[in-house]
PDB file of all heavy atoms in Angstrom:
ATOM      1  N   ARG A   1     121.858  93.807 111.074  1.00  0.00           N
ATOM      2  CA  ARG A   1     121.615  92.572 110.411  1.00  0.00           C
ATOM      3  C   ARG A   1     120.922  92.884 109.014  1.00  0.00           C
ATOM      4  O   ARG A   1     121.375  92.330 107.989  1.00  0.00           O
ATOM      5  CB  ARG A   1     120.749  91.633 111.189  1.00  0.00           C
ATOM      6  CG  ARG A   1     121.445  90.975 112.359  1.00  0.00           C
ATOM      7  CD  ARG A   1     120.580  89.915 113.085  1.00  0.00           C
ATOM      8  NE  ARG A   1     121.110  89.521 114.328  1.00  0.00           N
ATOM      9  CZ  ARG A   1     120.954  90.107 115.435  1.00  0.00           C
ATOM     10  NH1 ARG A   1     120.090  91.081 115.526  1.00  0.00           N
ATOM     11  NH2 ARG A   1     121.494  89.652 116.514  1.00  0.00           N
ATOM     12  N   ALA A   2     119.956  93.713 109.056  1.00  0.00           N
ATOM     13  CA  ALA A   2     119.232  94.090 107.844  1.00  0.00           C
ATOM     14  C   ALA A   2     120.152  94.850 106.862  1.00  0.00           C
ATOM     15  O   ALA A   2     120.132  94.544 105.633  1.00  0.00           O
ATOM     16  CB  ALA A   2     117.981  94.991 108.155  1.00  0.00           C
ATOM     17  N   ASP A   3     120.969  95.704 107.352  1.00  0.00           N
ATOM     18  CA  ASP A   3     121.910  96.455 106.452  1.00  0.00           C
ATOM     19  C   ASP A   3     122.990  95.549 105.851  1.00  0.00           C
ATOM     20  O   ASP A   3     123.365  95.724 104.706  1.00  0.00           O
ATOM     21  CB  ASP A   3     122.593  97.578 107.308  1.00  0.00           C
ATOM     22  CG  ASP A   3     121.586  98.788 107.587  1.00  0.00           C
ATOM     23  OD1 ASP A   3     120.473  98.745 107.045  1.00  0.00           O
ATOM     24  OD2 ASP A   3     121.990  99.644 108.418  1.00  0.00           O
ATOM     25  N   ILE A   4     123.359  94.527 106.623  1.00  0.00           N
ATOM     26  CA  ILE A   4     124.325  93.560 106.100  1.00  0.00           C
ATOM     27  C   ILE A   4     123.696  92.750 104.965  1.00  0.00           C
ATOM     28  O   ILE A   4     124.241  92.608 103.889  1.00  0.00           O
ATOM     29  CB  ILE A   4     124.856  92.567 107.233  1.00  0.00           C
ATOM     30  CG1 ILE A   4     125.753  93.252 108.138  1.00  0.00           C
ATOM     31  CG2 ILE A   4     125.516  91.348 106.635  1.00  0.00           C
ATOM     32  CD1 ILE A   4     126.045  92.549 109.472  1.00  0.00           C
ATOM     33  N   ARG A   5     122.453  92.331 105.247  1.00  0.00           N
ATOM     34  CA  ARG A   5     121.796  91.522 104.165  1.00  0.00           C
ATOM     35  C   ARG A   5     121.593  92.405 102.870  1.00  0.00           C
ATOM     36  O   ARG A   5     121.736  91.939 101.751  1.00  0.00           O
ATOM     37  CB  ARG A   5     120.428  91.076 104.621  1.00  0.00           C
ATOM     38  CG  ARG A   5     120.512  89.945 105.689  1.00  0.00           C
ATOM     39  CD  ARG A   5     119.101  89.475 106.122  1.00  0.00           C
ATOM     40  NE  ARG A   5     119.184  88.668 107.287  1.00  0.00           N
ATOM     41  CZ  ARG A   5     119.631  87.447 107.386  1.00  0.00           C
ATOM     42  NH1 ARG A   5     120.086  86.867 106.311  1.00  0.00           N
ATOM     43  NH2 ARG A   5     119.674  86.814 108.526  1.00  0.00           N
ATOM     44  N   THR A   6     121.197  93.628 103.089  1.00  0.00           N
ATOM     45  CA  THR A   6     120.933  94.554 101.932  1.00  0.00           C
ATOM     46  C   THR A   6     122.223  94.827 101.161  1.00  0.00           C
ATOM     47  O   THR A   6     122.222  94.765  99.926  1.00  0.00           O
ATOM     48  CB  THR A   6     120.412  95.878 102.410  1.00  0.00           C
ATOM     49  OG1 THR A   6     119.033  95.602 103.056  1.00  0.00           O
ATOM     50  CG2 THR A   6     120.107  96.826 101.245  1.00  0.00           C
ATOM     51  N   ALA A   7     123.245  95.057 101.887  1.00  0.00           N
ATOM     52  CA  ALA A   7     124.557  95.386 101.217  1.00  0.00           C
ATOM     53  C   ALA A   7     125.080  94.110 100.444  1.00  0.00           C
ATOM     54  O   ALA A   7     125.571  94.273  99.306  1.00  0.00           O
ATOM     55  CB  ALA A   7     125.606  95.783 102.298  1.00  0.00           C
ATOM     56  N   LEU A   8     125.031  92.994 101.037  1.00  0.00           N
ATOM     57  CA  LEU A   8     125.501  91.746 100.371  1.00  0.00           C
ATOM     58  C   LEU A   8     124.592  91.429  99.148  1.00  0.00           C
ATOM     59  O   LEU A   8     125.066  91.052  98.109  1.00  0.00           O
ATOM     60  CB  LEU A   8     125.538  90.567 101.381  1.00  0.00           C
ATOM     61  CG  LEU A   8     126.760  90.626 102.278  1.00  0.00           C
ATOM     62  CD1 LEU A   8     126.603  89.576 103.393  1.00  0.00           C
ATOM     63  CD2 LEU A   8     128.088  90.387 101.506  1.00  0.00           C
ATOM     64  N   ALA A   9     123.291  91.559  99.240  1.00  0.00           N
ATOM     65  CA  ALA A   9     122.399  91.294  98.171  1.00  0.00           C
ATOM     66  C   ALA A   9     122.689  92.272  97.041  1.00  0.00           C
ATOM     67  O   ALA A   9     122.677  91.836  95.824  1.00  0.00           O
ATOM     68  CB  ALA A   9     120.917  91.441  98.632  1.00  0.00           C
ATOM     69  N   GLY A  10     122.942  93.482  97.310  1.00  0.00           N
ATOM     70  CA  GLY A  10     123.299  94.524  96.302  1.00  0.00           C
ATOM     71  C   GLY A  10     124.602  94.216  95.563  1.00  0.00           C
ATOM     72  O   GLY A  10     124.854  94.628  94.518  1.00  0.00           O
ATOM     73  N   ALA A  11     125.499  93.451  96.283  1.00  0.00           N
ATOM     74  CA  ALA A  11     126.730  93.096  95.698  1.00  0.00           C
ATOM     75  C   ALA A  11     126.717  91.779  95.020  1.00  0.00           C
ATOM     76  O   ALA A  11     127.752  91.236  94.529  1.00  0.00           O
ATOM     77  CB  ALA A  11     127.809  93.107  96.770  1.00  0.00           C
ATOM     78  N   GLY A  12     125.502  91.148  94.961  1.00  0.00           N
ATOM     79  CA  GLY A  12     125.394  89.878  94.263  1.00  0.00           C
ATOM     80  C   GLY A  12     125.465  88.646  95.166  1.00  0.00           C
ATOM     81  O   GLY A  12     125.719  87.537  94.684  1.00  0.00           O
ATOM     82  N   TYR A  13     125.322  88.828  96.461  1.00  0.00           N
ATOM     83  CA  TYR A  13     125.424  87.713  97.403  1.00  0.00           C
ATOM     84  C   TYR A  13     124.129  87.612  98.166  1.00  0.00           C
ATOM     85  O   TYR A  13     123.966  88.072  99.359  1.00  0.00           O
ATOM     86  CB  TYR A  13     126.556  87.915  98.347  1.00  0.00           C
ATOM     87  CG  TYR A  13     127.929  88.063  97.745  1.00  0.00           C
ATOM     88  CD1 TYR A  13     128.469  89.290  97.498  1.00  0.00           C
ATOM     89  CD2 TYR A  13     128.593  86.898  97.371  1.00  0.00           C
ATOM     90  CE1 TYR A  13     129.740  89.377  96.918  1.00  0.00           C
ATOM     91  CE2 TYR A  13     129.843  87.037  96.783  1.00  0.00           C
ATOM     92  CZ  TYR A  13     130.361  88.274  96.449  1.00  0.00           C
ATOM     93  OH  TYR A  13     131.618  88.408  95.946  1.00  0.00           O
ATOM     94  N   PRO A  14     123.036  86.944  97.605  1.00  0.00           N
ATOM     95  CA  PRO A  14     121.735  86.980  98.220  1.00  0.00           C
ATOM     96  C   PRO A  14     121.658  85.876  99.379  1.00  0.00           C
ATOM     97  O   PRO A  14     120.788  86.009 100.160  1.00  0.00           O
ATOM     98  CB  PRO A  14     120.788  86.575  97.091  1.00  0.00           C
ATOM     99  CG  PRO A  14     121.676  85.782  96.215  1.00  0.00           C
ATOM    100  CD  PRO A  14     123.054  86.347  96.268  1.00  0.00           C
ATOM    101  N   GLU A  15     122.530  84.901  99.394  1.00  0.00           N
ATOM    102  CA  GLU A  15     122.495  83.803 100.366  1.00  0.00           C
ATOM    103  C   GLU A  15     123.304  84.208 101.561  1.00  0.00           C
ATOM    104  O   GLU A  15     124.545  84.117 101.456  1.00  0.00           O
ATOM    105  CB  GLU A  15     122.894  82.541  99.810  1.00  0.00           C
ATOM    106  CG  GLU A  15     122.198  82.071  98.522  1.00  0.00           C
ATOM    107  CD  GLU A  15     121.062  81.205  98.780  1.00  0.00           C
ATOM    108  OE1 GLU A  15     120.927  80.672  99.912  1.00  0.00           O
ATOM    109  OE2 GLU A  15     120.175  81.125  97.970  1.00  0.00           O
ATOM    110  N   VAL A  16     122.700  84.632 102.668  1.00  0.00           N
ATOM    111  CA  VAL A  16     123.433  85.147 103.804  1.00  0.00           C
ATOM    112  C   VAL A  16     122.907  84.559 105.103  1.00  0.00           C
ATOM    113  O   VAL A  16     121.737  84.435 105.309  1.00  0.00           O
ATOM    114  CB  VAL A  16     123.284  86.714 103.873  1.00  0.00           C
ATOM    115  CG1 VAL A  16     124.015  87.231 105.083  1.00  0.00           C
ATOM    116  CG2 VAL A  16     123.721  87.395 102.624  1.00  0.00           C
ATOM    117  N   GLU A  17     123.891  84.182 105.926  1.00  0.00           N
ATOM    118  CA  GLU A  17     123.604  83.704 107.345  1.00  0.00           C
ATOM    119  C   GLU A  17     124.294  84.649 108.249  1.00  0.00           C
ATOM    120  O   GLU A  17     125.474  84.895 108.044  1.00  0.00           O
ATOM    121  CB  GLU A  17     123.992  82.302 107.601  1.00  0.00           C
ATOM    122  CG  GLU A  17     123.789  81.808 109.029  1.00  0.00           C
ATOM    123  CD  GLU A  17     124.249  80.402 109.261  1.00  0.00           C
ATOM    124  OE1 GLU A  17     124.636  79.650 108.356  1.00  0.00           O
ATOM    125  OE2 GLU A  17     124.325  80.024 110.456  1.00  0.00           O
ATOM    126  N   ILE A  18     123.630  85.189 109.223  1.00  0.00           N
ATOM    127  CA  ILE A  18     124.273  86.026 110.210  1.00  0.00           C
ATOM    128  C   ILE A  18     124.311  85.413 111.537  1.00  0.00           C
ATOM    129  O   ILE A  18     123.221  85.032 112.039  1.00  0.00           O
ATOM    130  CB  ILE A  18     123.592  87.452 110.228  1.00  0.00           C
ATOM    131  CG1 ILE A  18     123.688  88.087 108.849  1.00  0.00           C
ATOM    132  CG2 ILE A  18     124.227  88.315 111.328  1.00  0.00           C
ATOM    133  CD1 ILE A  18     122.967  89.390 108.699  1.00  0.00           C
ATOM    134  N   VAL A  19     125.468  85.199 112.130  1.00  0.00           N
ATOM    135  CA  VAL A  19     125.626  84.590 113.369  1.00  0.00           C
ATOM    136  C   VAL A  19     126.038  85.611 114.375  1.00  0.00           C
ATOM    137  O   VAL A  19     126.866  86.464 114.189  1.00  0.00           O
ATOM    138  CB  VAL A  19     126.784  83.517 113.303  1.00  0.00           C
ATOM    139  CG1 VAL A  19     127.049  82.873 114.662  1.00  0.00           C
ATOM    140  CG2 VAL A  19     126.488  82.506 112.285  1.00  0.00           C
ATOM    141  N   THR A  20     125.365  85.570 115.581  1.00  0.00           N
ATOM    142  CA  THR A  20     125.712  86.449 116.691  1.00  0.00           C
ATOM    143  C   THR A  20     126.545  85.735 117.683  1.00  0.00           C
ATOM    144  O   THR A  20     126.150  84.726 118.268  1.00  0.00           O
ATOM    145  CB  THR A  20     124.417  87.054 117.327  1.00  0.00           C
ATOM    146  OG1 THR A  20     123.584  87.665 116.340  1.00  0.00           O
ATOM    147  CG2 THR A  20     124.764  87.982 118.411  1.00  0.00           C
ATOM    148  N   ALA A  21     127.763  86.229 117.846  1.00  0.00           N
ATOM    149  CA  ALA A  21     128.731  85.586 118.874  1.00  0.00           C
ATOM    150  C   ALA A  21     128.716  86.533 120.101  1.00  0.00           C
ATOM    151  O   ALA A  21     129.036  87.709 119.968  1.00  0.00           O
ATOM    152  CB  ALA A  21     130.066  85.554 118.231  1.00  0.00           C
ATOM    153  N   LEU A  22     128.388  85.969 121.222  1.00  0.00           N
ATOM    154  CA  LEU A  22     128.359  86.707 122.480  1.00  0.00           C
ATOM    155  C   LEU A  22     129.626  86.573 123.273  1.00  0.00           C
ATOM    156  O   LEU A  22     129.871  87.267 124.307  1.00  0.00           O
ATOM    157  CB  LEU A  22     127.141  86.329 123.305  1.00  0.00           C
ATOM    158  CG  LEU A  22     125.755  86.533 122.670  1.00  0.00           C
ATOM    159  CD1 LEU A  22     124.692  86.065 123.515  1.00  0.00           C
ATOM    160  CD2 LEU A  22     125.562  87.980 122.334  1.00  0.00           C
ATOM    161  N   ALA A  23     130.476  85.578 122.883  1.00  0.00           N
ATOM    162  CA  ALA A  23     131.707  85.354 123.603  1.00  0.00           C
ATOM    163  C   ALA A  23     132.918  85.253 122.616  1.00  0.00           C
ATOM    164  O   ALA A  23     132.710  84.555 121.627  1.00  0.00           O
ATOM    165  CB  ALA A  23     131.636  84.108 124.429  1.00  0.00           C
ATOM    166  N   PRO A  24     133.892  85.920 122.811  1.00  0.00           N
ATOM    167  CA  PRO A  24     134.171  86.855 123.974  1.00  0.00           C
ATOM    168  C   PRO A  24     133.266  88.045 123.767  1.00  0.00           C
ATOM    169  O   PRO A  24     132.934  88.443 122.628  1.00  0.00           O
ATOM    170  CB  PRO A  24     135.606  87.239 123.905  1.00  0.00           C
ATOM    171  CG  PRO A  24     135.977  87.003 122.428  1.00  0.00           C
ATOM    172  CD  PRO A  24     135.110  85.919 121.987  1.00  0.00           C
TER     173      PRO A  24
END
């Protein structure tokens, strides 16, 4: 999750929501 946020912020996308899907 932290690496996703860092990568997107570095590419100019600071607004990020990360959803965890357990199914399937």
